């Protein structure tokens, strides 16, 4: 269930570790025990997506309902969009 599924996915859902090897230095996905963990950081958010969103919120009104949707292009694993959901902002995340 959400929001736990944003951070963890059972390994059995997609039993392939190749992405954890290919993207290991980018902090997108990690294999731990029987789950894949998504740290919410990645190359674009070294302090995590929440920290970046809070920085954006200092200049963009994310908390008052003025911004309801966002488009995230080149999103990688879409952590930005997943973390925006806490601010009641729905993101369309598109990556190659």
Protein backbone atom coordinates (compact mmCIF):
# COMPACT_ATOMS: atom_id res chain seq x y z
CA UNK A 1 0.00 0.00 0.00
CA UNK A 2 0.97 3.64 -0.59
CA UNK A 3 3.21 5.29 0.53
CA UNK A 4 5.28 2.25 1.52
CA UNK A 5 5.17 1.06 -2.10
CA UNK A 6 6.90 4.29 -3.11
CA UNK A 7 9.93 3.27 -1.07
CA UNK A 8 9.92 -0.54 -1.23
CA UNK A 9 8.87 -3.13 -3.79
CA UNK A 10 9.07 -6.90 -3.19
CA UNK A 11 11.91 -8.48 -5.18
CA UNK A 12 9.45 -11.19 -6.26
CA UNK A 13 7.49 -8.57 -8.26
CA UNK A 14 10.44 -8.14 -10.65
CA UNK A 15 13.23 -10.59 -9.79
CA UNK A 16 15.97 -8.90 -11.81
CA UNK A 17 18.91 -7.19 -10.13
CA UNK A 18 20.53 -5.77 -13.28
CA UNK A 19 19.21 -2.24 -12.70
CA UNK A 20 20.69 -2.19 -9.19
CA UNK A 21 24.10 -2.89 -10.73
CA UNK A 22 23.75 -0.50 -13.68
CA UNK A 23 22.48 2.39 -11.54
CA UNK A 24 24.42 1.64 -8.33
CA UNK A 25 26.36 4.93 -8.34
CA UNK A 26 23.21 6.97 -8.98
CA UNK A 27 21.37 5.96 -5.78
CA UNK A 28 18.10 5.18 -7.59
CA UNK A 29 17.46 1.62 -6.51
CA UNK A 30 19.03 -0.76 -4.02
CA UNK A 31 18.49 -4.45 -3.38
CA UNK A 32 18.08 -5.29 0.31
CA UNK A 33 17.00 -8.73 1.50
CA UNK A 34 13.76 -9.53 -0.30
CA UNK A 35 12.92 -5.98 -1.49
CA UNK A 36 14.08 -3.29 -3.86
CA UNK A 37 14.43 0.00 -2.01
CA UNK A 38 14.10 3.40 -3.67
CA UNK A 39 16.02 5.89 -1.50
CA UNK A 40 14.32 8.95 -3.02
CA UNK A 41 17.59 10.54 -3.94
CA UNK A 42 19.30 9.66 -7.13
CA UNK A 43 21.80 11.76 -8.99
CA UNK A 44 19.59 14.84 -9.07
CA UNK A 45 18.62 14.80 -5.38
CA UNK A 46 21.73 14.05 -3.28
CA UNK A 47 19.89 15.23 -0.12
CA UNK A 48 16.70 13.42 -1.18
CA UNK A 49 13.63 14.47 -3.13
CA UNK A 50 11.94 15.93 -0.03
CA UNK A 51 14.78 18.41 0.50
CA UNK A 52 14.59 19.53 -3.13
CA UNK A 53 10.80 19.90 -2.98
CA UNK A 54 11.09 21.97 0.21
CA UNK A 55 13.59 24.20 -1.56
CA UNK A 56 11.16 24.63 -4.48
CA UNK A 57 8.36 25.37 -2.01
CA UNK A 58 10.28 28.41 -0.79
CA UNK A 59 9.58 30.11 -4.14
CA UNK A 60 6.61 28.14 -5.57
CA UNK A 61 3.38 27.85 -3.50
CA UNK A 62 3.18 24.05 -3.23
CA UNK A 63 1.25 23.89 0.03
CA UNK A 64 -1.84 26.00 -0.67
CA UNK A 65 -3.37 24.05 -3.57
CA UNK A 66 -2.34 26.60 -6.21
CA UNK A 67 -0.11 24.01 -7.91
CA UNK A 68 -2.05 20.82 -8.52
CA UNK A 69 -0.18 19.14 -11.36
CA UNK A 70 3.39 18.92 -12.61
CA UNK A 71 5.14 17.43 -15.64
CA UNK A 72 8.43 15.66 -14.94
CA UNK A 73 10.34 14.89 -18.13
CA UNK A 74 13.46 12.75 -18.09
CA UNK A 75 12.34 11.58 -14.66
CA UNK A 76 14.56 8.53 -14.17
CA UNK A 77 12.70 6.54 -11.51
CA UNK A 78 10.19 9.37 -10.92
CA UNK A 79 11.07 10.00 -7.27
CA UNK A 80 10.31 13.71 -7.67
CA UNK A 81 6.75 12.97 -8.78
CA UNK A 82 6.26 10.34 -6.10
CA UNK A 83 7.36 12.74 -3.36
CA UNK A 84 5.24 15.62 -4.73
CA UNK A 85 2.18 13.50 -3.99
CA UNK A 86 2.60 14.39 -0.28
CA UNK A 87 1.95 18.02 -1.28
CA UNK A 88 -1.24 16.96 -3.14
CA UNK A 89 0.50 17.61 -6.47
CA UNK A 90 0.02 14.93 -9.11
CA UNK A 91 2.93 14.50 -11.52
CA UNK A 92 3.06 12.95 -14.96
CA UNK A 93 6.54 11.45 -15.11
CA UNK A 94 8.02 10.55 -18.50
CA UNK A 95 11.41 8.97 -19.16
CA UNK A 96 12.95 7.17 -22.13
